Protein backbone atom coordinates (compact mmCIF):
# COMPACT_ATOMS: atom_id res chain seq x y z
CA TRP A 1 23.21 7.44 3.50
CA ARG A 2 23.77 5.06 6.40
CA PRO A 3 23.21 6.13 10.00
CA VAL A 4 26.11 5.62 12.42
CA PHE A 5 24.98 4.93 15.97
CA ASN A 6 26.57 5.54 19.36
CA GLY A 7 25.59 2.32 21.11
CA VAL A 8 22.17 0.81 20.56
CA GLU A 9 20.68 1.27 17.08
CA LYS A 10 17.93 3.73 17.98
CA ALA A 11 17.06 7.03 16.34
CA GLN A 12 18.17 9.04 19.36
CA ASN A 13 21.65 7.43 19.15
CA ILE A 14 22.44 8.52 15.57
CA ILE A 15 25.67 10.53 15.64
CA ARG A 16 26.19 11.03 11.91
CA LEU A 17 25.28 9.79 8.45
CA ASP A 18 27.89 8.10 6.30
CA GLU A 19 27.68 7.77 2.56
CA ARG A 20 26.98 4.19 1.46
CA SER A 21 28.60 2.50 -1.42
CA GLY A 22 26.05 1.97 -4.15
CA PHE A 23 22.86 3.95 -4.23
CA SER A 24 19.35 4.06 -2.93
CA ILE A 25 16.21 5.65 -4.22
CA THR A 26 13.87 7.47 -1.90
CA GLY A 27 10.41 8.35 -3.01
CA ILE A 28 7.74 10.47 -1.46
CA GLY A 29 4.21 9.44 -2.19
CA LEU A 30 1.75 11.71 -3.89
CA GLU A 31 -0.44 11.48 -0.80
CA ARG A 32 2.37 12.82 1.39
CA LEU A 33 2.79 15.78 -0.92
CA CYS A 34 -0.98 16.37 -0.86
CA MET A 35 -0.88 16.30 2.94
CA ALA A 36 1.85 18.91 3.07
CA VAL A 37 0.36 21.24 0.47
CA ASN A 38 -3.16 21.03 1.94
CA HIS A 39 -2.07 20.98 5.62
CA LEU A 40 -3.82 17.66 6.24
CA PRO A 41 -3.12 15.63 9.40
CA THR A 42 -3.09 12.18 7.75
CA ALA A 43 -2.91 10.55 4.33
CA ARG A 44 -6.42 9.22 4.82
CA ASP A 45 -7.67 12.84 4.62
CA VAL A 46 -6.35 13.32 1.06
CA ASP A 47 -9.23 13.84 -1.37
CA TYR A 48 -8.60 10.72 -3.46
CA ILE A 49 -8.02 8.45 -0.44
CA ALA A 50 -10.78 9.62 1.93
CA PRO A 51 -13.62 8.02 -0.11
CA VAL A 52 -12.04 4.58 0.37
CA TYR A 53 -11.93 5.08 4.14
CA ASP A 54 -15.47 6.46 4.13
CA ALA A 55 -16.71 3.28 2.43
CA ALA A 56 -14.80 0.93 4.76
CA ASP A 57 -16.71 -0.93 7.46
CA LYS A 58 -14.72 0.67 10.25
CA GLN A 59 -12.64 3.81 10.20
CA GLU A 60 -10.15 2.10 12.55
CA ASP A 61 -9.07 -0.35 9.83
CA GLU A 62 -6.17 1.76 8.58
CA LEU A 63 -3.80 -1.21 8.23
CA VAL A 64 -6.41 -3.12 6.21
CA ILE A 65 -7.18 -0.19 3.91
CA GLU A 66 -3.52 0.75 3.34
CA SER A 67 -2.65 -2.89 2.65
CA LEU A 68 -5.57 -3.15 0.22
CA ARG A 69 -4.51 0.05 -1.55
CA ALA A 70 -0.93 -1.23 -1.86
CA LEU A 71 -2.05 -4.62 -3.15
CA HIS A 72 -4.32 -2.95 -5.68
CA ARG A 73 -1.41 -0.87 -6.99
CA ILE A 74 0.90 -3.91 -7.10
CA TYR A 75 -1.55 -6.17 -8.93
CA SER A 76 -2.57 -3.37 -11.29
CA ASP A 77 1.09 -2.96 -12.26
CA ILE A 78 1.56 -6.73 -12.60
CA GLU A 79 -1.49 -6.89 -14.86
CA HIS A 80 -0.63 -3.78 -16.88
CA TYR A 81 3.10 -4.35 -17.32
CA SER A 82 3.02 -8.17 -17.42
CA CYS A 83 5.69 -8.38 -14.75
CA GLN A 84 6.11 -10.89 -11.95
CA PRO A 85 7.27 -10.20 -8.41
CA GLY A 86 10.48 -11.80 -7.18
CA LYS A 87 10.90 -13.91 -4.06
CA HIS A 88 11.29 -10.98 -1.65
CA GLN A 89 8.43 -9.03 -3.22
CA LYS A 90 6.20 -12.09 -2.87
CA GLN A 91 7.02 -12.23 0.85
CA LYS A 92 6.00 -8.59 1.22
CA ILE A 93 2.83 -9.19 -0.79
CA ARG A 94 1.91 -12.11 1.50
CA THR A 95 2.37 -9.84 4.51
CA LEU A 96 0.03 -7.27 2.96
CA ILE A 97 -2.56 -9.96 2.19
CA LYS A 98 -2.39 -11.24 5.78
CA ASN A 99 -3.45 -7.76 6.88
CA ILE A 100 -6.79 -8.06 5.05
CA SER A 101 -9.37 -8.98 7.66
CA ASP A 102 -11.83 -11.80 6.92
CA LYS A 103 -14.67 -9.35 7.56
CA TYR A 104 -13.80 -7.86 4.15
CA ASP A 105 -15.35 -10.33 1.73
CA SER A 106 -14.81 -10.14 -2.03
CA ARG A 107 -17.93 -8.00 -2.49
CA LYS A 108 -16.67 -5.39 -0.01
CA ILE A 109 -13.13 -5.51 -1.39
CA ARG A 110 -14.47 -5.02 -4.92
CA GLU A 111 -16.50 -2.01 -3.73
CA LEU A 112 -13.43 -0.45 -2.07
CA LEU A 113 -11.17 -1.14 -5.06
CA ASN A 114 -13.72 0.36 -7.45
CA ILE A 115 -13.72 3.51 -5.33
CA HIS A 116 -9.92 3.46 -5.15
CA SER A 117 -9.76 3.15 -8.93
CA SER A 118 -12.41 5.78 -9.70
CA THR A 119 -10.74 8.42 -7.53
CA GLN A 120 -7.49 8.07 -9.51
CA PRO A 121 -8.38 8.66 -13.18
CA TRP A 122 -4.71 9.42 -13.88
CA HIS A 123 -4.07 5.65 -13.33
CA PRO A 124 -6.53 4.01 -15.78
CA GLU A 125 -4.78 0.63 -15.30
CA MET A 126 -6.17 0.47 -11.75
CA GLN A 127 -9.56 -0.72 -13.05
CA ALA A 128 -7.97 -3.78 -14.67
CA GLY A 129 -6.17 -4.58 -11.41
CA ILE A 130 -9.35 -5.01 -9.35
CA GLU A 131 -10.17 -8.63 -10.22
CA PRO A 132 -6.54 -9.87 -10.06
CA THR A 133 -6.22 -8.28 -6.61
CA ILE A 134 -9.39 -9.96 -5.35
CA GLU A 135 -8.42 -13.29 -6.91
CA ARG A 136 -4.98 -13.26 -5.22
CA ILE A 137 -6.46 -12.36 -1.83
CA GLU A 138 -9.09 -15.12 -2.12
CA ARG A 139 -6.49 -17.66 -3.28
CA TYR A 140 -4.26 -16.87 -0.32
CA LYS A 141 -7.14 -17.14 2.16
CA ARG A 142 -8.25 -20.49 0.65
CA ASN A 143 -4.72 -21.87 0.94
CA ILE A 144 -4.26 -20.97 4.61
CA LYS A 145 -7.50 -22.62 5.75
């Protein structure tokens, strides 16, 4: 569905939704479902996500933690399925890596990723994605200095 706007493209100016040609896939994350079912205010309160936030240096680092969680999932899939990201995916990955603050060294990142992996036993491939995730973050940081 494509929103049709009356004037400026802002949410309050949507007048209808038109069907697009082609298709799109919309997914809802497991954490969003957990929030709804358990009446939780944020995704960081979900039982398998909260331990990662609890171990972070600062609770205010939501962008860092969410970027790290996403990168961990991406590199775990790359490692497990032997796939490579395309040009646009690489741009998005670089944006996620840029969000990782320098105060999170490889030791701290490894600690957080181990927690992230251990709280999701239904994704055993996450353990194998820890070192590739750290290596890619370190490589990026070395190259920008």
